[in-house]
Protein backbone atom coordinates (compact mmCIF):
# COMPACT_ATOMS: atom_id res chain seq x y z
CA UNK A 1 -59.49 -49.01 40.92
CA UNK A 2 -61.03 -50.49 37.63
CA UNK A 3 -57.77 -50.59 35.42
CA UNK A 4 -56.36 -53.12 33.42
CA UNK A 5 -53.09 -53.74 31.70
CA UNK A 6 -54.24 -52.54 28.27
CA UNK A 7 -55.42 -49.27 29.97
CA UNK A 8 -51.91 -48.73 31.39
CA UNK A 9 -50.19 -49.49 27.80
CA UNK A 10 -52.65 -46.94 26.37
CA UNK A 11 -51.70 -44.21 28.74
CA UNK A 12 -47.90 -44.90 28.59
CA UNK A 13 -48.10 -44.98 24.90
CA UNK A 14 -50.12 -41.69 24.51
CA UNK A 15 -48.18 -39.88 27.23
CA UNK A 16 -44.89 -40.87 25.14
CA UNK A 17 -46.05 -40.37 21.77
CA UNK A 18 -48.27 -36.80 22.21
CA UNK A 19 -51.27 -38.37 20.06
CA UNK A 20 -53.80 -41.20 19.87
CA UNK A 21 -52.83 -41.51 16.19
CA UNK A 22 -49.01 -41.96 17.35
CA UNK A 23 -49.88 -44.24 20.23
CA UNK A 24 -52.43 -46.37 17.98
CA UNK A 25 -49.33 -47.04 15.64
CA UNK A 26 -47.42 -48.43 18.62
CA UNK A 27 -49.98 -50.46 20.07
CA UNK A 28 -50.80 -51.73 16.59
CA UNK A 29 -54.74 -50.65 16.97
CA UNK A 30 -56.98 -48.45 15.35
CA UNK A 31 -56.99 -44.72 16.34
CA UNK A 32 -60.90 -44.76 16.80
CA UNK A 33 -60.79 -48.02 18.76
CA UNK A 34 -58.02 -46.26 21.06
CA UNK A 35 -59.97 -42.98 21.51
CA UNK A 36 -62.98 -45.22 22.82
CA UNK A 37 -60.63 -47.04 25.45
CA UNK A 38 -59.32 -43.62 26.45
CA UNK A 39 -63.23 -42.24 26.90
CA UNK A 40 -64.11 -45.45 28.83
CA UNK A 41 -61.44 -45.08 31.33
CA UNK A 42 -61.73 -41.33 31.89
CA UNK A 43 -65.36 -42.17 32.69
CA UNK A 44 -64.69 -45.10 34.78
CA UNK A 45 -62.42 -43.00 36.86
CA UNK A 46 -64.44 -39.71 36.82
CA UNK A 47 -61.63 -37.47 35.45
CA UNK A 48 -59.68 -36.87 32.56
CA UNK A 49 -55.97 -37.83 32.20
CA UNK A 50 -54.73 -35.81 29.33
CA UNK A 51 -55.06 -31.89 28.44
CA UNK A 52 -54.69 -30.72 24.76
CA UNK A 53 -52.07 -28.39 24.16
CA UNK A 54 -52.05 -27.52 20.61
CA UNK A 55 -51.97 -30.90 18.47
CA UNK A 56 -50.62 -32.74 21.33
CA UNK A 57 -52.02 -34.46 24.49
CA UNK A 58 -50.34 -33.70 27.56
CA UNK A 59 -50.87 -35.53 30.68
CA UNK A 60 -52.56 -33.67 33.50
CA UNK A 61 -52.07 -33.81 36.98
CA UNK A 62 -54.25 -37.13 37.43
CA UNK A 63 -52.87 -38.51 34.21
CA UNK A 64 -49.05 -37.89 35.97
CA UNK A 65 -50.12 -39.75 38.98
CA UNK A 66 -51.47 -42.79 37.13
CA UNK A 67 -48.62 -42.64 34.71
CA UNK A 68 -45.90 -43.56 37.34
CA UNK A 69 -48.12 -46.44 38.54
CA UNK A 70 -48.50 -47.54 35.05
CA UNK A 71 -44.68 -47.38 34.11
CA UNK A 72 -43.88 -49.17 37.44
CA UNK A 73 -46.13 -52.09 36.66
CA UNK A 74 -45.26 -52.36 32.91
CA UNK A 75 -41.57 -52.41 33.76
CA UNK A 76 -41.98 -54.99 36.22
CA UNK A 77 -43.97 -56.89 34.10
CA UNK A 78 -41.33 -56.74 31.19
CA UNK A 79 -38.17 -57.35 33.82
CA UNK A 80 -40.10 -60.51 34.56
CA UNK A 81 -41.02 -61.69 31.15
CA UNK A 82 -37.20 -61.50 30.37
CA UNK A 83 -36.12 -63.14 33.63
CA UNK A 84 -38.68 -66.23 32.82
CA UNK A 85 -37.41 -66.39 29.04
CA UNK A 86 -33.78 -66.94 30.56
CA UNK A 87 -34.96 -69.41 33.19
CA UNK A 88 -36.61 -71.37 30.17
CA UNK A 89 -33.39 -71.17 28.13
CA UNK A 90 -31.34 -72.14 30.75
CA UNK A 91 -29.59 -68.74 30.32
CA UNK A 92 -30.19 -67.59 34.44
CA UNK A 93 -26.58 -66.15 34.24
CA UNK A 94 -26.81 -62.80 35.78
CA UNK A 95 -25.81 -60.30 38.64
CA UNK A 96 -28.67 -57.71 39.35
CA UNK A 97 -26.98 -55.23 41.64
CA UNK A 98 -27.97 -52.00 43.33
CA UNK A 99 -26.54 -49.57 45.43
CA UNK A 100 -28.20 -47.52 48.02
CA UNK A 101 -28.24 -43.81 48.25
CA UNK A 102 -25.92 -43.61 45.11
CA UNK A 103 -25.82 -41.11 42.31
CA UNK A 104 -22.31 -41.52 41.65
CA UNK A 105 -20.26 -44.67 40.77
CA UNK A 106 -16.73 -44.16 40.43
CA UNK A 107 -16.02 -47.38 42.12
CA UNK A 108 -18.15 -49.53 40.12
CA UNK A 109 -15.92 -49.97 36.71
CA UNK A 110 -13.06 -51.45 38.39
CA UNK A 111 -15.15 -53.81 40.15
CA UNK A 112 -16.84 -54.62 36.60
CA UNK A 113 -13.37 -55.14 35.16
CA UNK A 114 -12.33 -57.54 37.36
CA UNK A 115 -15.41 -59.62 37.74
CA UNK A 116 -15.40 -59.87 33.69
CA UNK A 117 -12.20 -61.20 33.96
CA UNK A 118 -13.21 -63.96 35.63
CA UNK A 119 -16.73 -64.29 34.25
CA UNK A 120 -16.83 -62.75 30.78
CA UNK A 121 -20.20 -64.49 29.72
CA UNK A 122 -22.13 -63.02 33.18
CA UNK A 123 -24.61 -60.27 32.40
CA UNK A 124 -24.21 -57.41 35.66
CA UNK A 125 -27.61 -55.49 35.83
CA UNK A 126 -27.55 -52.10 37.78
CA UNK A 127 -31.23 -52.08 38.98
CA UNK A 128 -33.20 -49.37 40.68
CA UNK A 129 -35.56 -50.46 43.41
CA UNK A 130 -38.58 -49.08 44.94
CA UNK A 131 -38.15 -46.21 47.66
CA UNK A 132 -34.52 -46.78 47.65
CA UNK A 133 -34.91 -49.84 49.98
CA UNK A 134 -32.67 -52.67 48.45
CA UNK A 135 -33.19 -55.26 51.80
CA UNK A 136 -36.95 -55.74 51.04
CA UNK A 137 -35.76 -56.26 47.21
CA UNK A 138 -33.34 -59.07 47.94
CA UNK A 139 -35.77 -60.64 49.74
CA UNK A 140 -38.47 -60.36 46.65
CA UNK A 141 -35.52 -62.18 44.65
CA UNK A 142 -35.50 -58.49 42.76
CA UNK A 143 -31.86 -58.42 42.79
CA UNK A 144 -28.86 -60.28 43.69
CA UNK A 145 -26.15 -57.90 45.36
CA UNK A 146 -26.70 -54.75 47.15
CA UNK A 147 -24.66 -51.83 48.63
CA UNK A 148 -26.36 -50.66 51.73
CA UNK A 149 -26.25 -48.19 54.59
CA UNK A 150 -29.43 -47.02 55.83
CA UNK A 151 -30.99 -49.40 58.50
CA UNK A 152 -33.86 -51.81 57.55
CA UNK A 153 -36.30 -53.62 59.92
CA UNK A 154 -35.62 -56.59 57.73
CA UNK A 155 -31.37 -56.24 58.00
CA UNK A 156 -31.28 -59.28 60.21
CA UNK A 157 -32.92 -61.63 57.32
CA UNK A 158 -29.90 -60.86 55.06
CA UNK A 159 -26.43 -61.49 54.90
CA UNK A 160 -24.03 -58.36 55.74
CA UNK A 161 -20.37 -58.25 54.64
CA UNK A 162 -18.99 -54.81 56.35
CA UNK A 163 -17.03 -52.91 53.74
CA UNK A 164 -15.88 -49.47 54.86
CA UNK A 165 -17.20 -46.27 56.89
CA UNK A 166 -17.39 -43.01 54.93
CA UNK A 167 -17.36 -39.44 56.46
CA UNK A 168 -20.21 -37.17 56.27
CA UNK A 169 -19.30 -33.59 55.95
CA UNK A 170 -21.32 -30.28 55.66
CA UNK A 171 -21.21 -28.79 52.14
CA UNK A 172 -21.21 -24.91 51.98
CA UNK A 173 -20.18 -22.20 49.68
CA UNK A 174 -16.58 -20.92 50.40
CA UNK A 175 -17.63 -17.70 51.62
CA UNK A 176 -19.92 -19.50 54.08
CA UNK A 177 -19.01 -18.45 57.88
CA UNK A 178 -18.55 -22.44 58.51
CA UNK A 179 -15.97 -22.32 55.88
CA UNK A 180 -13.24 -21.62 58.11
CA UNK A 181 -14.12 -23.81 60.91
CA UNK A 182 -12.18 -26.86 61.93
CA UNK A 183 -15.29 -28.62 62.77
CA UNK A 184 -19.01 -28.35 63.50
CA UNK A 185 -21.19 -29.02 66.52
CA UNK A 186 -24.76 -29.73 66.85
CA UNK A 187 -25.31 -26.05 67.93
CA UNK A 188 -24.29 -24.77 64.46
CA UNK A 189 -27.07 -26.34 62.80
CA UNK A 190 -29.69 -24.71 65.09
CA UNK A 191 -31.72 -22.66 62.79
CA UNK A 192 -29.74 -23.76 59.51
CA UNK A 193 -31.51 -24.12 55.98
CA UNK A 194 -30.76 -27.49 54.83
CA UNK A 195 -31.20 -28.97 51.16
CA UNK A 196 -31.17 -32.96 51.61
CA UNK A 197 -32.15 -36.18 49.31
CA UNK A 198 -35.79 -36.80 49.86
CA UNK A 199 -35.38 -39.79 51.55
CA UNK A 200 -34.44 -37.49 54.67
CA UNK A 201 -37.84 -36.24 54.53
CA UNK A 202 -39.03 -36.77 58.00
CA UNK A 203 -42.96 -37.28 56.83
CA UNK A 204 -41.74 -40.51 55.10
CA UNK A 205 -42.65 -43.58 56.95
CA UNK A 206 -40.21 -45.06 58.43
CA UNK A 207 -38.46 -41.47 58.47
CA UNK A 208 -34.57 -41.71 58.08
CA UNK A 209 -32.64 -39.85 60.82
CA UNK A 210 -31.15 -36.47 59.57
CA UNK A 211 -27.53 -36.85 59.03
CA UNK A 212 -26.64 -34.30 62.04
CA UNK A 213 -25.26 -34.60 65.42
CA UNK A 214 -27.47 -35.28 68.20
CA UNK A 215 -29.55 -32.43 69.67
CA UNK A 216 -29.42 -30.42 66.27
CA UNK A 217 -32.62 -28.41 65.68
CA UNK A 218 -32.22 -27.13 61.93
CA UNK A 219 -34.54 -24.66 60.28
CA UNK A 220 -36.13 -25.31 57.08
CA UNK A 221 -35.34 -28.30 55.23
CA UNK A 222 -35.75 -28.66 51.40
CA UNK A 223 -35.49 -32.09 50.18
CA UNK A 224 -35.26 -32.76 46.48
CA UNK A 225 -34.60 -36.15 44.44
CA UNK A 226 -31.32 -38.00 44.59
CA UNK A 227 -29.62 -36.13 42.37
CA UNK A 228 -26.19 -35.19 43.59
CA UNK A 229 -25.64 -32.32 40.68
CA UNK A 230 -29.28 -30.62 41.93
CA UNK A 231 -28.26 -30.65 45.78
CA UNK A 232 -24.70 -29.04 44.91
CA UNK A 233 -26.20 -26.42 42.87
CA UNK A 234 -28.76 -25.64 45.36
CA UNK A 235 -25.91 -25.06 48.11
CA UNK A 236 -23.51 -23.25 45.39
CA UNK A 237 -26.75 -20.94 44.62
CA UNK A 238 -26.94 -19.78 48.65
CA UNK A 239 -30.16 -21.79 49.16
CA UNK A 240 -28.78 -23.74 52.35
CA UNK A 241 -26.17 -26.25 53.19
CA UNK A 242 -26.06 -29.37 52.62
CA UNK A 243 -24.58 -32.68 54.07
CA UNK A 244 -23.04 -35.54 51.84
CA UNK A 245 -20.56 -38.19 52.10
CA UNK A 246 -16.77 -36.66 51.75
CA UNK A 247 -16.09 -38.81 48.73
CA UNK A 248 -19.24 -37.65 47.03
CA UNK A 249 -18.96 -33.94 47.79
CA UNK A 250 -15.12 -33.57 47.22
CA UNK A 251 -15.33 -33.71 43.31
CA UNK A 252 -17.44 -30.80 43.35
CA UNK A 253 -15.74 -28.49 45.80
CA UNK A 254 -13.11 -26.81 43.16
CA UNK A 255 -15.53 -26.74 39.99
CA UNK A 256 -18.53 -25.08 42.28
CA UNK A 257 -16.67 -22.99 45.04
CA UNK A 258 -17.79 -25.39 47.95
CA UNK A 259 -16.13 -25.91 51.19
CA UNK A 260 -16.29 -29.55 53.00
CA UNK A 261 -16.49 -29.14 56.93
CA UNK A 262 -16.09 -31.87 59.44
CA UNK A 263 -19.11 -32.49 61.55
CA UNK A 264 -18.24 -33.12 65.42
CA UNK A 265 -14.82 -33.34 66.69
CA UNK A 266 -15.16 -36.83 66.13
CA UNK A 267 -16.23 -37.30 62.33
CA UNK A 268 -19.56 -38.21 61.54
CA UNK A 269 -19.57 -41.69 60.19
CA UNK A 270 -21.76 -44.07 58.40
CA UNK A 271 -20.99 -47.75 57.69
CA UNK A 272 -21.54 -49.47 54.24
CA UNK A 273 -22.34 -53.26 53.94
CA UNK A 274 -22.40 -55.81 50.89
CA UNK A 275 -25.83 -57.38 51.44
CA UNK A 276 -26.92 -60.56 49.81
CA UNK A 277 -29.64 -63.39 50.54
CA UNK A 278 -28.76 -65.84 53.03
CA UNK A 279 -27.57 -69.38 52.32
CA UNK A 280 -25.08 -70.62 49.50
CA UNK A 281 -24.48 -68.17 46.63
CA UNK A 282 -24.33 -69.33 42.70
CA UNK A 283 -20.57 -69.04 41.95
CA UNK A 284 -20.97 -66.03 39.39
CA UNK A 285 -22.93 -64.06 42.37
CA UNK A 286 -20.01 -65.36 44.84
CA UNK A 287 -17.59 -64.12 42.30
CA UNK A 288 -18.93 -60.61 42.16
CA UNK A 289 -19.35 -60.35 45.76
CA UNK A 290 -15.90 -60.94 46.11
CA UNK A 291 -14.68 -58.49 43.67
CA UNK A 292 -16.90 -55.56 45.31
CA UNK A 293 -15.79 -56.63 48.48
CA UNK A 294 -12.05 -56.42 47.53
CA UNK A 295 -12.33 -53.30 45.89
CA UNK A 296 -14.19 -51.26 48.32
CA UNK A 297 -12.45 -52.58 51.17
CA UNK A 298 -8.92 -51.67 49.92
CA UNK A 299 -9.88 -48.20 47.84
CA UNK A 300 -7.71 -45.42 49.39
CA UNK A 301 -8.94 -43.63 52.55
CA UNK A 302 -11.33 -46.60 53.22
CA UNK A 303 -13.79 -45.73 50.82
CA UNK A 304 -14.78 -45.85 47.43
CA UNK A 305 -13.16 -43.26 44.99
CA UNK A 306 -12.09 -41.50 48.29
CA UNK A 307 -11.58 -37.63 47.95
CA UNK A 308 -8.88 -35.53 49.33
CA UNK A 309 -8.75 -35.04 53.22
CA UNK A 310 -10.52 -32.48 54.93
CA UNK A 311 -8.38 -29.47 56.38
CA UNK A 312 -7.19 -29.93 59.88
CA UNK A 313 -6.89 -26.04 60.49
């Protein structure tokens, strides 16, 4: 694809500003020059990237797809530039942290309070990583510490500290037939409509195993972005059932009229780890790991911000 960095900056600025005139002001170029550059870019690609709606330029499907790539590339370059400035100035004193599969962080403030009491001059950055895959990000030196639970082919290349097991529960409306059950079996899920985070999309390569008992044969599976509020609203609206960690689902039970049901006579659990690169760690990274491990291995119920226990009858 014949696209350079200036093309990506043009695309991003125009999408954000809504017009070439406003984009030109942001990029400190003339509007005619920017218009000519957009025309040449669209000619090279063989398709337009924007539709005009009233007085605004709005990215069309081709523009939106290229915009995703543009923002990723520009964001990475900005992050790299910031890191290089800190290295140059001798200020490489930060901890870059990411948490897999997480949309709620009630356990993080206590970790930060304890860490900042020990290391008040260290900056902690919460990073998003591509494809919710922190292990490759660790190996590429994009993050320093990761909270992980999903298996990864490169797990053996990082250092893992076991933290806790959390219970996966079925989340259903209060009036659902499952709501009164003590636990569910694989057969209960046969034909059920599921609403799940999109990292469970079975078309992804590699695919993530569904959070169900072995042998379950669900019906329709609707996947959506990793936004817990969205998944919960779908379930509360009767569009299917979902499976979430108990500590994530519990805060929504009363407010959304939901029931949490155990999966299996023996609870269905997953294990969380603190992951870092192998070898010696800088003292400030070591301090952050220590506070993270302390918080997440001593929290009530053995999990961060653990919710109330499930009913046993």
